[in-house]
N, C-alpha and C. Protein backbone atom coordinates (compact mmCIF):
# COMPACT_ATOMS: atom_id res chain seq x y z
N MET A 1 -15.98 -10.25 21.50
CA MET A 1 -16.18 -11.64 22.01
C MET A 1 -16.44 -12.50 20.83
N LEU A 2 -15.87 -13.61 21.02
CA LEU A 2 -15.93 -14.49 19.70
C LEU A 2 -17.53 -15.19 19.82
N THR A 3 -17.95 -15.58 20.71
CA THR A 3 -19.25 -16.03 20.76
C THR A 3 -20.21 -15.19 20.18
N ARG A 4 -19.92 -13.79 19.97
CA ARG A 4 -21.19 -12.84 19.35
C ARG A 4 -20.71 -12.92 17.81
N GLN A 5 -19.60 -13.41 17.55
CA GLN A 5 -19.34 -13.35 16.00
C GLN A 5 -19.72 -14.63 15.34
N VAL A 6 -20.20 -15.65 16.15
CA VAL A 6 -20.76 -16.87 15.65
C VAL A 6 -22.12 -16.90 14.95
N ILE A 7 -22.35 -17.14 13.89
CA ILE A 7 -23.76 -17.04 13.53
C ILE A 7 -24.21 -18.30 13.14
N LEU A 8 -25.60 -18.57 13.54
CA LEU A 8 -26.31 -19.82 13.07
C LEU A 8 -26.73 -19.59 11.78
N ARG A 9 -26.52 -20.60 10.73
CA ARG A 9 -26.79 -20.46 9.29
C ARG A 9 -27.81 -21.46 9.01
N TYR A 10 -27.92 -22.53 9.69
CA TYR A 10 -28.72 -23.56 9.23
C TYR A 10 -29.22 -24.59 10.52
N ARG A 11 -30.43 -24.76 10.79
CA ARG A 11 -30.89 -25.49 11.64
C ARG A 11 -31.90 -26.48 11.38
N ALA A 12 -31.68 -27.62 11.40
CA ALA A 12 -32.68 -28.80 11.29
C ALA A 12 -32.76 -30.00 12.30
N PRO A 13 -33.52 -30.67 12.53
CA PRO A 13 -33.33 -31.60 13.60
C PRO A 13 -32.19 -32.49 13.43
N GLY A 14 -31.40 -32.51 14.33
CA GLY A 14 -30.25 -33.35 14.39
C GLY A 14 -28.90 -32.67 13.66
N HIS A 15 -29.04 -31.58 13.17
CA HIS A 15 -28.02 -30.99 12.28
C HIS A 15 -28.27 -29.41 12.41
N VAL A 16 -26.96 -28.87 12.58
CA VAL A 16 -26.93 -27.28 12.62
C VAL A 16 -25.41 -26.99 11.95
N ARG A 17 -25.26 -25.73 11.47
CA ARG A 17 -24.23 -25.24 10.80
C ARG A 17 -24.10 -23.79 11.40
N PHE A 18 -23.06 -23.44 11.76
CA PHE A 18 -22.42 -21.82 12.22
C PHE A 18 -21.59 -21.42 11.29
N ALA A 19 -21.55 -20.09 11.11
CA ALA A 19 -20.48 -19.41 10.48
C ALA A 19 -19.52 -18.81 11.78
N LEU A 20 -18.24 -19.33 11.60
CA LEU A 20 -17.34 -18.90 12.57
C LEU A 20 -16.42 -17.83 12.05
N PRO A 21 -16.02 -17.02 13.06
CA PRO A 21 -14.90 -16.09 12.59
C PRO A 21 -13.50 -16.58 12.27
N LYS A 22 -12.91 -15.87 11.42
CA LYS A 22 -11.73 -16.42 10.83
C LYS A 22 -10.60 -16.93 11.89
N VAL A 23 -10.54 -16.16 12.96
CA VAL A 23 -9.71 -16.69 13.96
C VAL A 23 -9.88 -18.13 14.54
N LEU A 24 -10.88 -18.75 14.50
CA LEU A 24 -11.37 -19.95 14.63
C LEU A 24 -11.04 -21.07 13.77
N CYS A 25 -10.83 -20.49 12.47
CA CYS A 25 -10.72 -21.45 11.35
C CYS A 25 -9.04 -21.66 11.27
N GLN A 26 -8.21 -21.17 11.73
CA GLN A 26 -6.86 -21.31 11.64
C GLN A 26 -6.45 -22.61 11.52
N PRO A 27 -5.41 -23.29 11.08
CA PRO A 27 -5.04 -24.28 11.17
C PRO A 27 -4.58 -24.92 12.64
N GLU A 28 -4.10 -24.05 13.20
CA GLU A 28 -3.63 -24.27 14.46
C GLU A 28 -4.63 -24.30 15.77
N ILE A 29 -6.00 -23.73 15.34
CA ILE A 29 -6.96 -23.85 16.44
C ILE A 29 -8.12 -24.82 15.98
N SER A 30 -8.44 -24.88 14.77
CA SER A 30 -9.55 -25.57 14.29
C SER A 30 -9.61 -27.13 14.72
N PRO A 31 -8.39 -27.79 14.82
CA PRO A 31 -8.53 -29.14 15.24
C PRO A 31 -8.74 -29.29 16.61
N HIS A 32 -8.39 -28.48 17.62
CA HIS A 32 -8.84 -28.30 19.06
C HIS A 32 -10.24 -27.99 19.05
N LEU A 33 -10.70 -27.23 18.35
CA LEU A 33 -12.25 -26.79 18.25
C LEU A 33 -13.15 -28.02 18.15
N ILE A 34 -12.57 -28.63 16.82
CA ILE A 34 -13.48 -29.85 16.46
C ILE A 34 -13.44 -31.03 17.59
N ALA A 35 -12.13 -31.10 18.06
CA ALA A 35 -12.03 -32.14 19.17
C ALA A 35 -12.94 -31.77 20.39
N GLU A 36 -12.90 -30.63 20.76
CA GLU A 36 -13.80 -30.30 22.05
C GLU A 36 -15.32 -30.29 21.54
N VAL A 37 -15.71 -30.01 20.39
CA VAL A 37 -17.29 -30.16 20.07
C VAL A 37 -17.52 -31.57 19.78
N GLN A 38 -16.59 -32.43 19.22
CA GLN A 38 -17.05 -33.98 19.24
C GLN A 38 -17.20 -34.39 20.68
N ALA A 39 -16.62 -33.98 21.63
CA ALA A 39 -16.71 -34.46 22.96
C ALA A 39 -17.82 -34.40 23.87
N ILE A 40 -19.01 -33.38 23.11
CA ILE A 40 -20.06 -33.18 23.67
C ILE A 40 -20.86 -34.39 23.37
N ASP A 41 -21.54 -34.75 24.47
CA ASP A 41 -22.56 -36.03 24.58
C ASP A 41 -23.68 -35.86 23.48
N GLY A 42 -23.73 -36.78 22.62
CA GLY A 42 -24.99 -36.80 21.46
C GLY A 42 -24.35 -36.09 20.07
N VAL A 43 -23.16 -35.66 20.11
CA VAL A 43 -22.57 -35.21 18.90
C VAL A 43 -21.85 -36.44 18.32
N TYR A 44 -22.09 -36.71 17.18
CA TYR A 44 -21.44 -37.77 16.35
C TYR A 44 -20.65 -37.37 15.12
N ARG A 45 -20.78 -36.19 14.73
CA ARG A 45 -20.05 -36.01 13.33
C ARG A 45 -19.83 -34.29 13.51
N VAL A 46 -18.58 -34.10 13.07
CA VAL A 46 -18.24 -32.53 13.12
C VAL A 46 -17.41 -32.21 12.08
N GLY A 47 -17.83 -31.16 11.20
CA GLY A 47 -16.85 -30.84 9.90
C GLY A 47 -16.79 -29.27 9.96
N LEU A 48 -15.67 -28.95 9.57
CA LEU A 48 -15.37 -27.54 9.30
C LEU A 48 -14.92 -27.34 7.94
N HIS A 49 -15.76 -26.69 7.09
CA HIS A 49 -15.52 -26.28 5.75
C HIS A 49 -15.29 -24.98 5.45
N GLY A 50 -14.12 -24.56 5.22
CA GLY A 50 -13.77 -22.92 5.26
C GLY A 50 -14.14 -22.50 6.50
N ASN A 51 -15.19 -21.54 6.71
CA ASN A 51 -15.70 -21.09 8.17
C ASN A 51 -17.04 -21.49 8.44
N LYS A 52 -17.38 -22.47 7.81
CA LYS A 52 -18.69 -23.08 8.25
C LYS A 52 -18.44 -24.30 9.01
N LEU A 53 -19.01 -24.45 10.28
CA LEU A 53 -18.97 -25.65 11.22
C LEU A 53 -20.10 -26.13 11.21
N SER A 54 -20.21 -27.43 10.94
CA SER A 54 -21.38 -28.41 10.69
C SER A 54 -21.30 -29.32 11.84
N ILE A 55 -22.50 -29.40 12.58
CA ILE A 55 -22.49 -30.44 13.63
C ILE A 55 -23.79 -31.32 13.40
N ARG A 56 -23.55 -32.56 13.56
CA ARG A 56 -24.60 -33.51 13.49
C ARG A 56 -24.84 -34.10 14.91
N TYR A 57 -25.94 -34.03 15.45
CA TYR A 57 -26.00 -34.74 16.85
C TYR A 57 -27.37 -35.52 16.99
N GLN A 58 -27.58 -36.23 18.19
CA GLN A 58 -28.70 -36.98 18.44
C GLN A 58 -29.54 -36.17 19.39
N GLU A 59 -30.71 -35.79 18.97
CA GLU A 59 -31.56 -34.91 19.99
C GLU A 59 -32.06 -35.69 21.17
N ALA A 60 -31.81 -37.16 21.16
CA ALA A 60 -32.33 -37.86 22.30
C ALA A 60 -31.27 -37.67 23.37
N PHE A 61 -30.01 -37.48 23.10
CA PHE A 61 -28.95 -37.08 24.06
C PHE A 61 -28.63 -35.78 24.33
N CYS A 62 -28.98 -34.86 23.48
CA CYS A 62 -28.39 -33.50 23.46
C CYS A 62 -29.41 -32.67 22.81
N SER A 63 -30.10 -31.63 23.33
CA SER A 63 -30.84 -30.82 22.56
C SER A 63 -30.13 -29.56 22.10
N PHE A 64 -30.95 -28.92 21.20
CA PHE A 64 -29.96 -27.83 20.58
C PHE A 64 -29.82 -26.73 21.40
N THR A 65 -30.47 -26.49 22.64
CA THR A 65 -30.15 -25.54 23.55
C THR A 65 -28.81 -25.90 24.35
N GLU A 66 -28.83 -27.20 24.87
CA GLU A 66 -27.39 -27.86 25.39
C GLU A 66 -26.39 -27.81 24.52
N LEU A 67 -26.68 -28.06 23.20
CA LEU A 67 -25.46 -27.73 22.16
C LEU A 67 -24.92 -26.60 22.27
N ALA A 68 -25.88 -25.63 22.05
CA ALA A 68 -25.45 -24.13 21.95
C ALA A 68 -24.76 -23.71 23.27
N ARG A 69 -25.29 -24.00 24.41
CA ARG A 69 -24.56 -23.68 25.77
C ARG A 69 -23.25 -24.28 25.86
N ALA A 70 -23.04 -25.52 25.33
CA ALA A 70 -21.58 -26.37 25.30
C ALA A 70 -20.77 -25.55 24.49
N LEU A 71 -21.10 -25.25 23.15
CA LEU A 71 -20.40 -24.65 22.13
C LEU A 71 -20.00 -23.23 22.62
N HIS A 72 -20.85 -22.34 23.42
CA HIS A 72 -20.71 -21.18 23.96
C HIS A 72 -19.51 -21.32 25.04
N ALA A 73 -19.63 -22.23 25.78
CA ALA A 73 -18.46 -22.58 26.92
C ALA A 73 -17.11 -22.83 26.22
N ILE A 74 -17.30 -23.67 25.21
CA ILE A 74 -16.03 -23.90 24.50
C ILE A 74 -15.36 -22.77 24.02
N LEU A 75 -16.27 -21.86 23.17
CA LEU A 75 -15.57 -20.91 22.54
C LEU A 75 -15.14 -19.72 23.82
N THR A 76 -15.83 -19.59 24.67
CA THR A 76 -15.39 -18.80 25.89
C THR A 76 -13.86 -19.31 26.40
N ARG A 77 -13.93 -20.44 26.71
CA ARG A 77 -12.84 -21.22 27.05
C ARG A 77 -11.54 -20.90 26.39
N LEU A 78 -11.71 -21.15 24.99
CA LEU A 78 -10.63 -20.86 23.97
C LEU A 78 -10.18 -19.59 23.91
N GLU A 79 -11.26 -18.52 24.23
CA GLU A 79 -10.80 -17.17 24.06
C GLU A 79 -10.04 -16.61 25.15
N GLN A 80 -10.55 -17.01 26.49
CA GLN A 80 -9.89 -16.75 27.86
C GLN A 80 -8.51 -17.34 27.90
N SER A 81 -8.26 -18.61 27.25
CA SER A 81 -6.87 -19.13 27.35
C SER A 81 -5.89 -18.55 26.78
N GLY A 82 -6.36 -17.48 25.82
CA GLY A 82 -5.21 -16.72 25.30
C GLY A 82 -4.32 -17.31 24.17
N THR A 83 -4.89 -18.60 23.67
CA THR A 83 -3.89 -19.09 22.51
C THR A 83 -4.47 -18.91 21.21
N LEU A 84 -5.50 -18.09 21.16
CA LEU A 84 -6.01 -17.70 19.81
C LEU A 84 -5.13 -16.68 19.23
N PRO A 85 -4.69 -17.01 17.92
CA PRO A 85 -3.82 -15.79 17.21
C PRO A 85 -4.72 -14.35 16.94
N GLN A 86 -3.96 -13.30 16.97
CA GLN A 86 -4.68 -12.11 16.62
C GLN A 86 -4.80 -12.27 15.06
N VAL A 87 -5.78 -11.79 14.56
CA VAL A 87 -6.10 -11.67 13.11
C VAL A 87 -5.88 -10.15 12.88
N VAL A 88 -4.88 -10.01 12.06
CA VAL A 88 -4.91 -8.49 11.49
C VAL A 88 -5.73 -8.33 10.22
N PRO A 89 -6.74 -7.34 10.58
CA PRO A 89 -7.72 -7.12 9.37
C PRO A 89 -6.65 -6.86 8.07
N ARG A 90 -6.88 -7.10 7.10
CA ARG A 90 -6.47 -6.87 5.72
C ARG A 90 -6.86 -5.52 5.30
N GLU A 91 -5.96 -4.83 4.66
CA GLU A 91 -6.00 -3.46 4.11
C GLU A 91 -7.08 -3.59 2.96
N PRO A 92 -8.06 -2.63 2.63
CA PRO A 92 -8.88 -2.52 1.54
C PRO A 92 -7.71 -2.77 0.26
N ALA A 93 -8.50 -3.32 -0.78
CA ALA A 93 -7.77 -3.60 -1.95
C ALA A 93 -7.06 -2.27 -2.66
N LEU A 94 -8.05 -1.17 -2.59
CA LEU A 94 -7.44 -0.04 -3.09
C LEU A 94 -6.25 0.58 -2.44
N VAL A 95 -6.10 0.38 -1.11
CA VAL A 95 -4.85 0.83 -0.41
C VAL A 95 -3.77 0.24 -0.82
N ARG A 96 -3.99 -1.07 -0.72
CA ARG A 96 -2.81 -2.14 -1.36
C ARG A 96 -2.33 -1.85 -2.78
N LEU A 97 -3.53 -1.50 -3.64
CA LEU A 97 -3.16 -1.31 -4.83
C LEU A 97 -2.37 0.12 -5.04
N LYS A 98 -2.55 1.18 -4.18
CA LYS A 98 -1.97 2.34 -4.02
C LYS A 98 -0.33 2.01 -3.54
N ARG A 99 -0.07 1.08 -2.73
CA ARG A 99 1.20 0.99 -2.29
C ARG A 99 1.89 -0.14 -3.10
N SER A 100 1.38 -0.56 -4.14
CA SER A 100 2.17 -1.45 -5.03
C SER A 100 3.52 -0.83 -5.98
N ALA A 101 4.15 -1.39 -6.22
CA ALA A 101 5.27 -0.88 -7.06
C ALA A 101 5.04 -0.10 -8.18
N PRO A 102 4.31 -0.71 -9.11
CA PRO A 102 3.84 -0.27 -10.32
C PRO A 102 3.13 1.00 -10.14
N VAL A 103 2.30 1.14 -9.23
CA VAL A 103 1.63 2.40 -9.12
C VAL A 103 2.39 3.38 -8.65
N LYS A 104 3.15 3.17 -7.57
CA LYS A 104 4.14 3.84 -6.98
C LYS A 104 5.32 4.75 -8.20
N TRP A 105 5.48 3.84 -9.10
CA TRP A 105 6.45 4.31 -10.33
C TRP A 105 5.58 5.07 -11.22
N LEU A 106 4.41 4.70 -11.47
CA LEU A 106 3.57 5.62 -12.32
C LEU A 106 3.27 6.79 -11.83
N HIS A 107 3.08 6.86 -10.46
CA HIS A 107 2.75 8.19 -9.92
C HIS A 107 4.07 8.98 -9.90
N ALA A 108 5.38 8.42 -9.65
CA ALA A 108 6.53 9.21 -9.77
C ALA A 108 6.81 9.87 -11.22
N LYS A 109 6.28 9.05 -12.26
CA LYS A 109 6.43 9.62 -13.64
C LYS A 109 5.44 10.53 -13.99
N ILE A 110 4.21 10.32 -13.41
CA ILE A 110 3.43 11.69 -13.74
C ILE A 110 3.76 12.92 -13.07
N GLU A 111 4.50 12.76 -11.98
CA GLU A 111 4.84 14.03 -11.19
C GLU A 111 6.07 14.32 -11.95
N GLU A 112 7.06 13.62 -12.48
CA GLU A 112 7.85 14.08 -13.33
C GLU A 112 7.44 14.87 -14.52
N VAL A 113 6.44 14.26 -15.20
CA VAL A 113 5.94 15.10 -16.40
C VAL A 113 5.29 16.27 -16.01
N ARG A 114 4.65 16.45 -14.80
CA ARG A 114 3.87 17.52 -14.52
C ARG A 114 5.00 18.51 -14.05
N GLU A 115 6.20 18.43 -13.44
CA GLU A 115 7.26 19.05 -13.15
C GLU A 115 7.86 19.70 -14.26
N THR A 116 8.06 18.75 -15.39
CA THR A 116 8.64 19.29 -16.78
C THR A 116 7.55 20.13 -17.42
N LEU A 117 6.49 19.92 -17.46
CA LEU A 117 5.55 20.93 -18.16
C LEU A 117 5.41 22.17 -17.49
N THR A 118 5.68 22.37 -16.17
CA THR A 118 5.56 23.46 -15.47
C THR A 118 7.01 24.27 -15.97
N ALA A 119 7.99 23.54 -15.90
CA ALA A 119 9.21 24.34 -16.26
C ALA A 119 9.19 24.79 -17.58
N PHE A 120 8.75 24.02 -18.62
CA PHE A 120 8.63 24.33 -19.98
C PHE A 120 7.60 25.66 -20.17
N GLY A 121 6.51 25.51 -19.35
CA GLY A 121 5.68 26.68 -19.37
C GLY A 121 6.40 27.94 -18.95
N ILE A 122 7.31 27.85 -18.02
CA ILE A 122 8.06 29.23 -17.61
C ILE A 122 8.93 29.52 -18.74
N LEU A 123 9.59 28.63 -19.30
CA LEU A 123 10.59 28.98 -20.26
C LEU A 123 9.77 29.49 -21.57
N VAL A 124 8.68 28.97 -21.99
CA VAL A 124 7.97 29.53 -23.00
C VAL A 124 7.33 31.00 -22.75
N ARG A 125 6.76 31.18 -21.66
CA ARG A 125 6.52 32.65 -21.12
C ARG A 125 7.73 33.61 -21.24
N ARG A 126 8.69 33.11 -20.78
CA ARG A 126 9.93 33.89 -20.85
C ARG A 126 10.27 34.25 -22.43
N GLY A 127 10.20 33.16 -23.10
CA GLY A 127 10.49 33.42 -24.56
C GLY A 127 9.39 34.29 -25.30
N LEU A 128 8.27 34.24 -24.69
CA LEU A 128 7.16 34.96 -25.42
C LEU A 128 7.27 36.58 -25.08
N LYS A 129 7.91 36.64 -23.93
CA LYS A 129 8.03 37.98 -23.35
C LYS A 129 8.98 38.80 -24.34
N SER A 130 10.11 38.13 -24.87
CA SER A 130 10.97 38.68 -25.85
C SER A 130 10.61 38.42 -27.35
N GLY A 131 9.30 38.75 -27.65
CA GLY A 131 8.55 38.38 -28.99
C GLY A 131 9.48 38.86 -30.03
N SER A 132 10.01 40.30 -29.93
CA SER A 132 10.70 40.87 -30.98
C SER A 132 11.99 40.25 -31.48
N ARG A 133 12.42 39.57 -30.38
CA ARG A 133 13.85 38.62 -30.74
C ARG A 133 13.53 37.60 -31.43
N LEU A 134 12.19 37.08 -31.23
CA LEU A 134 12.02 35.83 -32.03
C LEU A 134 11.75 36.11 -33.53
N VAL A 135 11.58 37.40 -33.77
CA VAL A 135 11.27 37.63 -35.26
C VAL A 135 12.61 37.90 -35.91
N HIS A 136 13.55 38.83 -35.09
CA HIS A 136 14.89 39.27 -35.60
C HIS A 136 15.98 38.21 -35.42
N ASP A 137 16.01 37.27 -34.22
CA ASP A 137 16.98 36.27 -34.38
C ASP A 137 16.32 35.19 -33.75
N PRO A 138 15.56 34.34 -34.67
CA PRO A 138 15.03 33.04 -33.97
C PRO A 138 16.04 32.00 -33.72
N LYS A 139 17.25 31.96 -34.42
CA LYS A 139 18.28 31.07 -33.98
C LYS A 139 18.89 31.08 -32.56
N ALA A 140 19.24 32.46 -32.27
CA ALA A 140 19.56 32.84 -30.95
C ALA A 140 18.64 32.40 -29.92
N LEU A 141 17.19 32.64 -30.07
CA LEU A 141 16.26 32.42 -29.26
C LEU A 141 16.14 30.85 -29.00
N ALA A 142 16.45 30.12 -30.05
CA ALA A 142 16.14 28.64 -30.17
C ALA A 142 17.36 28.05 -29.33
N PHE A 143 18.68 28.65 -29.55
CA PHE A 143 19.80 28.13 -28.83
C PHE A 143 19.49 28.47 -27.24
N GLU A 144 19.10 29.71 -26.99
CA GLU A 144 18.88 29.97 -25.61
C GLU A 144 17.82 28.94 -24.81
N PHE A 145 16.66 28.89 -25.60
CA PHE A 145 15.85 27.98 -25.23
C PHE A 145 16.41 26.32 -24.98
N ALA A 146 17.22 25.99 -25.85
CA ALA A 146 17.77 24.55 -25.78
C ALA A 146 18.80 24.61 -24.54
N ASN A 147 19.60 25.81 -24.36
CA ASN A 147 20.34 25.73 -23.05
C ASN A 147 19.54 25.86 -21.80
N ASP A 148 18.44 26.61 -21.79
CA ASP A 148 17.67 26.59 -20.56
C ASP A 148 17.08 25.12 -20.24
N VAL A 149 16.65 24.28 -21.38
CA VAL A 149 16.27 23.04 -21.21
C VAL A 149 17.47 22.10 -20.57
N LEU A 150 18.54 22.13 -20.91
CA LEU A 150 19.50 21.35 -20.57
C LEU A 150 19.90 21.81 -19.20
N VAL A 151 19.91 22.79 -18.81
CA VAL A 151 20.10 23.21 -17.43
C VAL A 151 18.89 22.52 -16.50
N LEU A 152 17.73 22.87 -17.00
CA LEU A 152 16.77 22.16 -15.94
C LEU A 152 16.83 20.69 -16.08
N TYR A 153 17.18 20.14 -17.00
CA TYR A 153 17.33 18.68 -17.20
C TYR A 153 18.60 18.16 -16.40
N LEU A 154 19.57 18.97 -16.24
CA LEU A 154 20.76 18.52 -15.30
C LEU A 154 20.43 18.71 -14.06
N ILE A 155 19.74 19.73 -13.47
CA ILE A 155 19.32 19.95 -12.21
C ILE A 155 18.14 18.90 -11.85
N ARG A 156 17.32 18.46 -12.85
CA ARG A 156 16.41 17.51 -12.31
C ARG A 156 17.25 16.08 -12.18
N ILE A 157 18.06 15.67 -12.99
CA ILE A 157 18.62 14.47 -13.06
C ILE A 157 19.64 14.45 -11.80
N HIS A 158 20.40 15.29 -11.38
CA HIS A 158 21.43 15.46 -10.26
C HIS A 158 20.86 16.07 -8.81
N TRP A 159 19.44 16.48 -8.91
CA TRP A 159 18.92 17.34 -7.56
C TRP A 159 19.14 16.16 -6.47
N HIS A 160 18.88 14.97 -6.50
CA HIS A 160 18.81 14.11 -5.46
C HIS A 160 20.18 13.88 -4.72
N ARG A 161 21.23 13.93 -5.79
CA ARG A 161 22.78 13.93 -5.36
C ARG A 161 23.22 15.10 -4.81
N ILE A 162 22.92 16.13 -5.36
CA ILE A 162 23.02 17.63 -4.91
C ILE A 162 22.66 17.77 -3.54
N VAL A 163 21.51 17.42 -3.17
CA VAL A 163 20.99 17.50 -1.55
C VAL A 163 21.60 16.46 -0.88
N THR A 164 21.63 15.09 -1.15
CA THR A 164 22.14 14.23 -0.28
C THR A 164 23.65 14.06 -0.12
N GLU A 165 24.44 14.27 -1.13
CA GLU A 165 25.85 14.01 -1.11
C GLU A 165 26.68 15.45 -1.29
N TRP A 166 26.39 16.22 -2.42
CA TRP A 166 27.10 17.26 -2.68
C TRP A 166 27.11 18.29 -1.47
N ILE A 167 25.87 18.87 -1.16
CA ILE A 167 25.87 19.86 -0.01
C ILE A 167 26.54 19.21 1.22
N PRO A 168 26.10 18.20 1.83
CA PRO A 168 26.67 17.86 3.14
C PRO A 168 28.30 17.29 2.93
N HIS A 169 28.88 17.06 1.76
CA HIS A 169 30.31 16.88 1.67
C HIS A 169 31.08 17.51 0.56
N PRO A 170 31.04 18.92 0.76
CA PRO A 170 31.41 19.86 -0.44
C PRO A 170 32.89 19.69 -0.97
N ILE A 171 33.72 19.35 -0.12
CA ILE A 171 35.13 18.96 -0.14
C ILE A 171 35.38 17.72 -1.00
N ARG A 172 34.64 16.73 -0.60
CA ARG A 172 34.66 15.43 -1.17
C ARG A 172 34.15 15.33 -2.73
N HIS A 173 33.21 16.44 -3.08
CA HIS A 173 32.67 16.60 -4.24
C HIS A 173 33.04 18.02 -4.95
N ARG A 174 34.17 18.43 -4.65
CA ARG A 174 34.88 19.64 -5.20
C ARG A 174 34.66 19.90 -6.66
N TYR A 175 34.88 18.69 -7.46
CA TYR A 175 35.05 18.84 -9.03
C TYR A 175 33.57 18.93 -9.41
N GLU A 176 32.61 18.32 -8.78
CA GLU A 176 31.46 18.51 -9.27
C GLU A 176 30.87 20.08 -9.03
N TRP A 177 31.40 20.55 -7.81
CA TRP A 177 30.95 21.83 -7.52
C TRP A 177 31.66 22.96 -8.63
N ALA A 178 32.83 22.55 -8.92
CA ALA A 178 33.58 23.43 -9.94
C ALA A 178 32.78 23.26 -11.25
N ALA A 179 32.38 22.20 -11.60
CA ALA A 179 31.47 21.98 -12.90
C ALA A 179 30.31 22.93 -12.74
N VAL A 180 29.47 22.99 -11.78
CA VAL A 180 28.48 23.63 -11.56
C VAL A 180 28.85 25.13 -11.44
N PHE A 181 29.81 25.66 -10.80
CA PHE A 181 30.12 27.03 -11.01
C PHE A 181 30.54 27.48 -12.18
N TYR A 182 31.30 26.64 -13.19
CA TYR A 182 31.57 27.07 -14.33
C TYR A 182 30.48 27.08 -15.33
N LEU A 183 29.59 26.05 -15.23
CA LEU A 183 28.23 26.15 -16.01
C LEU A 183 27.48 27.34 -15.66
N THR A 184 27.49 27.67 -14.41
CA THR A 184 26.48 28.87 -14.26
C THR A 184 27.15 30.08 -14.69
N TYR A 185 28.53 30.20 -14.55
CA TYR A 185 29.17 31.43 -15.17
C TYR A 185 29.08 31.55 -16.56
N LEU A 186 29.01 30.16 -17.40
CA LEU A 186 28.89 30.39 -18.84
C LEU A 186 27.41 30.86 -19.04
N LEU A 187 26.36 30.34 -18.53
CA LEU A 187 24.99 30.70 -18.60
C LEU A 187 24.89 32.04 -18.36
N VAL A 188 25.36 32.65 -17.19
CA VAL A 188 25.24 34.06 -16.93
C VAL A 188 25.91 35.07 -17.89
N ARG A 189 27.19 34.71 -18.40
CA ARG A 189 27.96 35.24 -19.36
C ARG A 189 27.19 35.40 -20.68
N SER A 190 26.38 34.26 -21.00
CA SER A 190 25.96 34.19 -22.40
C SER A 190 24.87 35.16 -22.43
N ARG A 191 24.16 35.32 -21.13
CA ARG A 191 22.98 36.22 -21.04
C ARG A 191 23.21 37.54 -21.14
N LEU A 192 24.51 37.80 -20.37
CA LEU A 192 24.90 39.29 -20.40
C LEU A 192 25.47 39.92 -21.74
N LEU A 193 25.84 39.05 -22.55
CA LEU A 193 26.51 39.42 -23.74
C LEU A 193 25.63 39.88 -24.82
N LYS A 194 24.33 39.44 -24.59
CA LYS A 194 23.41 39.91 -25.55
C LYS A 194 22.73 41.19 -25.33
């Protein structure tokens, strides 16, 4: 209920200030609210500054209790009329920040670096298993490592297209598939010849 969200902020003889909920401070609602409050007997000045409703009244014509009852009736009538817009609560700043484009981009780049480091770890472990080859033929091992890096890079670059275009339409992308099979053949052949 709106009336429970209205808070008395200041009270002096002939002057009161209320803090209003945001829905009542909207440009399409506030003029109606001000007009209805000004129509109360004894009220001679009404101001709305931000969410603060300031009311000046003459106590000889309207007591504070009568003013509060009249304001309660106005707010109840506004709420029941169904003309108040629904205020969607804003998301917390941290949630909005996480959904922003720069943060999403940064998160994607961090994920790429993590995947790349994982792939390099696998290649390094495989290279360390063949430790004797490192001493006898470091050039061949470096060449093999470079080939593995190139294959991982090509898979990484083309993965989205492989999954979304090449697999669903293999005939249309027959040349790409031919290149994949040929490169796979060359990679396996280079491993078997050693």
